[in-house]
Amino acid sequence: MVSLFGFNLSSDTIVWGLFVGLLVILLWLIFLSVLVIRFYKKTNTILGKTKRSDLAKMLNEHIKTVEDARRDVDLLAKELNQLKDDSVFHVSKVGLIRFNPFGDTGGNQSFALALLDERGDGVVLSSLHGRDRTRSYAKPVKNGKPGDFELSEEEVLAVKKAMGEKVNE
């Protein structure tokens, strides 16, 4: 019998206690070894065969690449916004109406073509085709409405069509 911290312990109890303690330490070491092996594999996957001295260089190159990419993205975002602002003034709405202004001649050779920007500003081009001549007209449109000139029925339909309204041709 051995007395330890006021407890009387037999030699078998001490041996079993040491055995359990060693077993716990062994399991802890196995767990830590598994963690180290996993970390080592992940590190090798990321770094490959890079040496320690090359690691700082590699990270600096990566940081520079990321900074360059961020600068490029910012530049592209500015250019995209400028293009969006500019596109408001480009022809983006088109409406075409073909018609026959004279009942005695054949075919829908005449037309009214509305060319408008995002705000509904632009022009209506009209062509009236007759037997012996063809006449062309251009009339301004502001906010989807006639400018200084009165629009014909077909020209109004072309503007409505360009503005996205449903039109019965």
C-alpha atoms as a PDB file:
ATOM      1  CA  MET A   1       0.000   0.000   0.000  1.00  0.00           C
ATOM      2  CA  VAL A   2       1.155   3.435  -0.905  1.00  0.00           C
ATOM      3  CA  SER A   3      -0.238   6.643   0.556  1.00  0.00           C
ATOM      4  CA  LEU A   4      -0.628   9.467  -1.958  1.00  0.00           C
ATOM      5  CA  PHE A   5      -2.304  12.810  -1.073  1.00  0.00           C
ATOM      6  CA  GLY A   6      -3.949  11.168   1.868  1.00  0.00           C
ATOM      7  CA  PHE A   7      -5.272   8.228  -0.216  1.00  0.00           C
ATOM      8  CA  ASN A   8      -4.152   4.684   0.399  1.00  0.00           C
ATOM      9  CA  LEU A   9      -3.585   3.117  -3.021  1.00  0.00           C
ATOM     10  CA  SER A  10      -2.634  -0.393  -3.927  1.00  0.00           C
ATOM     11  CA  SER A  11       0.090  -1.045  -6.479  1.00  0.00           C
ATOM     12  CA  ASP A  12      -2.524  -2.402  -8.926  1.00  0.00           C
ATOM     13  CA  THR A  13      -4.480   0.846  -8.713  1.00  0.00           C
ATOM     14  CA  ILE A  14      -1.323   2.879  -9.353  1.00  0.00           C
ATOM     15  CA  VAL A  15      -0.417   0.720 -12.364  1.00  0.00           C
ATOM     16  CA  TRP A  16      -3.926   1.068 -13.823  1.00  0.00           C
ATOM     17  CA  GLY A  17      -3.884   4.803 -13.187  1.00  0.00           C
ATOM     18  CA  LEU A  18      -0.541   5.126 -14.970  1.00  0.00           C
ATOM     19  CA  PHE A  19      -1.842   2.956 -17.811  1.00  0.00           C
ATOM     20  CA  VAL A  20      -4.986   5.090 -18.257  1.00  0.00           C
ATOM     21  CA  GLY A  21      -2.875   8.276 -18.059  1.00  0.00           C
ATOM     22  CA  LEU A  22      -0.463   6.986 -20.707  1.00  0.00           C
ATOM     23  CA  LEU A  23      -3.389   5.876 -22.878  1.00  0.00           C
ATOM     24  CA  VAL A  24      -4.927   9.381 -22.684  1.00  0.00           C
ATOM     25  CA  ILE A  25      -1.556  10.945 -23.554  1.00  0.00           C
ATOM     26  CA  LEU A  26      -1.118   8.514 -26.460  1.00  0.00           C
ATOM     27  CA  LEU A  27      -4.596   9.323 -27.842  1.00  0.00           C
ATOM     28  CA  TRP A  28      -3.860  13.044 -27.469  1.00  0.00           C
ATOM     29  CA  LEU A  29      -0.596  12.625 -29.385  1.00  0.00           C
ATOM     30  CA  ILE A  30      -2.374  10.708 -32.170  1.00  0.00           C
ATOM     31  CA  PHE A  31      -5.001  13.468 -32.428  1.00  0.00           C
ATOM     32  CA  LEU A  32      -2.312  16.164 -32.602  1.00  0.00           C
ATOM     33  CA  SER A  33      -0.375  14.158 -35.191  1.00  0.00           C
ATOM     34  CA  VAL A  34      -3.472  13.904 -37.410  1.00  0.00           C
ATOM     35  CA  LEU A  35      -3.975  17.671 -37.160  1.00  0.00           C
ATOM     36  CA  VAL A  36      -0.332  18.353 -38.048  1.00  0.00           C
ATOM     37  CA  ILE A  37      -0.470  15.957 -41.021  1.00  0.00           C
ATOM     38  CA  ARG A  38      -3.659  17.625 -42.340  1.00  0.00           C
ATOM     39  CA  PHE A  39      -2.106  21.067 -41.932  1.00  0.00           C
ATOM     40  CA  TYR A  40       1.061  19.904 -43.690  1.00  0.00           C
ATOM     41  CA  LYS A  41      -0.943  18.511 -46.631  1.00  0.00           C
ATOM     42  CA  LYS A  42      -2.984  21.718 -46.990  1.00  0.00           C
ATOM     43  CA  THR A  43       0.149  23.829 -46.782  1.00  0.00           C
ATOM     44  CA  ASN A  44       1.857  21.737 -49.461  1.00  0.00           C
ATOM     45  CA  THR A  45      -1.227  21.976 -51.681  1.00  0.00           C
ATOM     46  CA  ILE A  46      -1.231  25.769 -51.380  1.00  0.00           C
ATOM     47  CA  LEU A  47       2.495  26.410 -51.471  1.00  0.00           C
ATOM     48  CA  GLY A  48       3.715  23.473 -53.530  1.00  0.00           C
ATOM     49  CA  LYS A  49       7.467  23.202 -53.394  1.00  0.00           C
ATOM     50  CA  THR A  50       7.942  26.858 -52.517  1.00  0.00           C
ATOM     51  CA  LYS A  51      10.795  27.527 -50.161  1.00  0.00           C
ATOM     52  CA  ARG A  52      10.365  29.682 -47.126  1.00  0.00           C
ATOM     53  CA  SER A  53      12.348  32.529 -48.684  1.00  0.00           C
ATOM     54  CA  ASP A  54      10.119  32.371 -51.772  1.00  0.00           C
ATOM     55  CA  LEU A  55       6.940  32.522 -49.693  1.00  0.00           C
ATOM     56  CA  ALA A  56       7.208  36.250 -48.942  1.00  0.00           C
ATOM     57  CA  LYS A  57       7.966  36.955 -52.600  1.00  0.00           C
ATOM     58  CA  MET A  58       5.007  34.842 -53.714  1.00  0.00           C
ATOM     59  CA  LEU A  59       2.631  36.588 -51.293  1.00  0.00           C
ATOM     60  CA  ASN A  60       3.854  40.031 -52.407  1.00  0.00           C
ATOM     61  CA  GLU A  61       3.267  39.099 -56.052  1.00  0.00           C
ATOM     62  CA  HIS A  62      -0.209  37.872 -55.178  1.00  0.00           C
ATOM     63  CA  ILE A  63      -1.024  41.093 -53.316  1.00  0.00           C
ATOM     64  CA  LYS A  64       0.190  43.142 -56.296  1.00  0.00           C
ATOM     65  CA  THR A  65      -1.956  41.044 -58.662  1.00  0.00           C
ATOM     66  CA  VAL A  66      -5.025  41.584 -56.483  1.00  0.00           C
ATOM     67  CA  GLU A  67      -4.361  45.337 -56.297  1.00  0.00           C
ATOM     68  CA  ASP A  68      -3.960  45.512 -60.094  1.00  0.00           C
ATOM     69  CA  ALA A  69      -7.203  43.570 -60.568  1.00  0.00           C
ATOM     70  CA  ARG A  70      -9.032  45.892 -58.167  1.00  0.00           C
ATOM     71  CA  ARG A  71      -7.721  48.940 -60.038  1.00  0.00           C
ATOM     72  CA  ASP A  72      -8.828  47.410 -63.364  1.00  0.00           C
ATOM     73  CA  VAL A  73     -12.302  46.643 -61.992  1.00  0.00           C
ATOM     74  CA  ASP A  74     -12.657  50.220 -60.727  1.00  0.00           C
ATOM     75  CA  LEU A  75     -11.607  51.566 -64.140  1.00  0.00           C
ATOM     76  CA  LEU A  76     -14.070  49.250 -65.910  1.00  0.00           C
ATOM     77  CA  ALA A  77     -16.861  50.307 -63.542  1.00  0.00           C
ATOM     78  CA  LYS A  78     -16.171  53.981 -64.359  1.00  0.00           C
ATOM     79  CA  GLU A  79     -16.161  53.264 -68.089  1.00  0.00           C
ATOM     80  CA  LEU A  80     -19.370  51.229 -67.801  1.00  0.00           C
ATOM     81  CA  ASN A  81     -21.117  54.059 -65.969  1.00  0.00           C
ATOM     82  CA  GLN A  82     -19.935  56.518 -68.636  1.00  0.00           C
ATOM     83  CA  LEU A  83     -21.263  54.215 -71.370  1.00  0.00           C
ATOM     84  CA  LYS A  84     -24.603  53.951 -69.557  1.00  0.00           C
ATOM     85  CA  ASP A  85     -24.811  57.734 -69.318  1.00  0.00           C
ATOM     86  CA  ASP A  86     -23.890  58.150 -72.984  1.00  0.00           C
ATOM     87  CA  SER A  87     -26.278  55.448 -74.193  1.00  0.00           C
ATOM     88  CA  VAL A  88     -29.250  57.576 -73.159  1.00  0.00           C
ATOM     89  CA  PHE A  89     -28.551  59.686 -76.266  1.00  0.00           C
ATOM     90  CA  HIS A  90     -28.165  56.761 -78.695  1.00  0.00           C
ATOM     91  CA  VAL A  91     -30.977  55.454 -80.870  1.00  0.00           C
ATOM     92  CA  SER A  92     -32.492  52.661 -78.834  1.00  0.00           C
ATOM     93  CA  LYS A  93     -36.170  52.746 -79.742  1.00  0.00           C
ATOM     94  CA  VAL A  94     -37.295  52.040 -83.282  1.00  0.00           C
ATOM     95  CA  GLY A  95     -40.798  51.850 -84.690  1.00  0.00           C
ATOM     96  CA  LEU A  96     -41.626  51.089 -88.329  1.00  0.00           C
ATOM     97  CA  ILE A  97     -45.060  51.350 -89.924  1.00  0.00           C
ATOM     98  CA  ARG A  98     -45.582  50.438 -93.588  1.00  0.00           C
ATOM     99  CA  PHE A  99     -48.690  51.762 -95.313  1.00  0.00           C
ATOM    100  CA  ASN A 100     -50.342  52.623 -98.615  1.00  0.00           C
ATOM    101  CA  PRO A 101     -51.164  56.380 -98.728  1.00  0.00           C
ATOM    102  CA  PHE A 102     -52.980  56.151-102.051  1.00  0.00           C
ATOM    103  CA  GLY A 103     -55.706  53.572-102.475  1.00  0.00           C
ATOM    104  CA  ASP A 104     -55.321  53.412-106.271  1.00  0.00           C
ATOM    105  CA  THR A 105     -51.694  52.205-106.333  1.00  0.00           C
ATOM    106  CA  GLY A 106     -50.569  48.810-105.120  1.00  0.00           C
ATOM    107  CA  GLY A 107     -48.505  47.749-102.145  1.00  0.00           C
ATOM    108  CA  ASN A 108     -47.370  49.184 -98.864  1.00  0.00           C
ATOM    109  CA  GLN A 109     -44.323  50.930-100.327  1.00  0.00           C
ATOM    110  CA  SER A 110     -44.592  53.964 -98.037  1.00  0.00           C
ATOM    111  CA  PHE A 111     -43.334  53.950 -94.464  1.00  0.00           C
ATOM    112  CA  ALA A 112     -42.913  55.958 -91.269  1.00  0.00           C
ATOM    113  CA  LEU A 113     -39.778  55.169 -89.263  1.00  0.00           C
ATOM    114  CA  ALA A 114     -39.365  56.535 -85.727  1.00  0.00           C
ATOM    115  CA  LEU A 115     -35.771  56.609 -84.388  1.00  0.00           C
ATOM    116  CA  LEU A 116     -35.729  57.636 -80.707  1.00  0.00           C
ATOM    117  CA  ASP A 117     -33.301  57.614 -77.780  1.00  0.00           C
ATOM    118  CA  GLU A 118     -34.080  56.461 -74.217  1.00  0.00           C
ATOM    119  CA  ARG A 119     -35.826  59.751 -73.402  1.00  0.00           C
ATOM    120  CA  GLY A 120     -38.077  59.547 -76.458  1.00  0.00           C
ATOM    121  CA  ASP A 121     -36.198  62.246 -78.367  1.00  0.00           C
ATOM    122  CA  GLY A 122     -35.363  61.724 -82.020  1.00  0.00           C
ATOM    123  CA  VAL A 123     -36.848  61.888 -85.473  1.00  0.00           C
ATOM    124  CA  VAL A 124     -39.585  60.355 -87.610  1.00  0.00           C
ATOM    125  CA  LEU A 125     -38.570  59.667 -91.206  1.00  0.00           C
ATOM    126  CA  SER A 126     -41.442  59.257 -93.638  1.00  0.00           C
ATOM    127  CA  SER A 127     -41.482  58.216 -97.259  1.00  0.00           C
ATOM    128  CA  LEU A 128     -44.604  58.517 -99.373  1.00  0.00           C
ATOM    129  CA  HIS A 129     -44.335  56.404-102.494  1.00  0.00           C
ATOM    130  CA  GLY A 130     -46.567  57.264-105.469  1.00  0.00           C
ATOM    131  CA  ARG A 131     -46.674  56.163-109.097  1.00  0.00           C
ATOM    132  CA  ASP A 132     -44.462  58.877-110.455  1.00  0.00           C
ATOM    133  CA  ARG A 133     -42.490  60.069-107.420  1.00  0.00           C
ATOM    134  CA  THR A 134     -41.467  59.378-103.839  1.00  0.00           C
ATOM    135  CA  ARG A 135     -41.390  62.094-101.170  1.00  0.00           C
ATOM    136  CA  SER A 136     -39.372  61.924 -97.953  1.00  0.00           C
ATOM    137  CA  TYR A 137     -39.923  63.882 -94.745  1.00  0.00           C
ATOM    138  CA  ALA A 138     -38.090  64.168 -91.428  1.00  0.00           C
ATOM    139  CA  LYS A 139     -39.859  65.515 -88.338  1.00  0.00           C
ATOM    140  CA  PRO A 140     -38.460  65.980 -84.821  1.00  0.00           C
ATOM    141  CA  VAL A 141     -39.873  64.167 -81.793  1.00  0.00           C
ATOM    142  CA  LYS A 142     -39.389  65.328 -78.186  1.00  0.00           C
ATOM    143  CA  ASN A 143     -40.286  63.067 -75.234  1.00  0.00           C
ATOM    144  CA  GLY A 144     -42.341  60.856 -77.537  1.00  0.00           C
ATOM    145  CA  LYS A 145     -44.443  63.840 -78.685  1.00  0.00           C
ATOM    146  CA  PRO A 146     -44.403  65.787 -81.961  1.00  0.00           C
ATOM    147  CA  GLY A 147     -41.940  68.657 -82.158  1.00  0.00           C
ATOM    148  CA  ASP A 148     -42.611  71.708 -84.353  1.00  0.00           C
ATOM    149  CA  PHE A 149     -44.416  69.718 -87.065  1.00  0.00           C
ATOM    150  CA  GLU A 150     -47.704  67.893 -86.955  1.00  0.00           C
ATOM    151  CA  LEU A 151     -47.337  64.129 -87.353  1.00  0.00           C
ATOM    152  CA  SER A 152     -49.484  62.037 -89.681  1.00  0.00           C
ATOM    153  CA  GLU A 153     -51.485  59.119 -88.314  1.00  0.00           C
ATOM    154  CA  GLU A 154     -48.827  56.637 -89.484  1.00  0.00           C
ATOM    155  CA  GLU A 155     -46.018  58.721 -87.964  1.00  0.00           C
ATOM    156  CA  VAL A 156     -47.845  58.821 -84.621  1.00  0.00           C
ATOM    157  CA  LEU A 157     -48.225  55.032 -84.795  1.00  0.00           C
ATOM    158  CA  ALA A 158     -44.484  54.651 -85.531  1.00  0.00           C
ATOM    159  CA  VAL A 159     -43.622  56.807 -82.487  1.00  0.00           C
ATOM    160  CA  LYS A 160     -46.008  54.836 -80.261  1.00  0.00           C
ATOM    161  CA  LYS A 161     -44.516  51.580 -81.509  1.00  0.00           C
ATOM    162  CA  ALA A 162     -41.002  52.866 -80.792  1.00  0.00           C
ATOM    163  CA  MET A 163     -42.073  53.894 -77.272  1.00  0.00           C
ATOM    164  CA  GLY A 164     -43.259  50.335 -76.643  1.00  0.00           C
ATOM    165  CA  GLU A 165     -46.997  50.920 -76.876  1.00  0.00           C
ATOM    166  CA  LYS A 166     -49.165  48.291 -78.520  1.00  0.00           C
ATOM    167  CA  VAL A 167     -50.160  49.425 -82.018  1.00  0.00           C
ATOM    168  CA  ASN A 168     -52.738  48.008 -84.415  1.00  0.00           C
ATOM    169  CA  GLU A 169     -51.251  48.359 -87.878  1.00  0.00           C
END
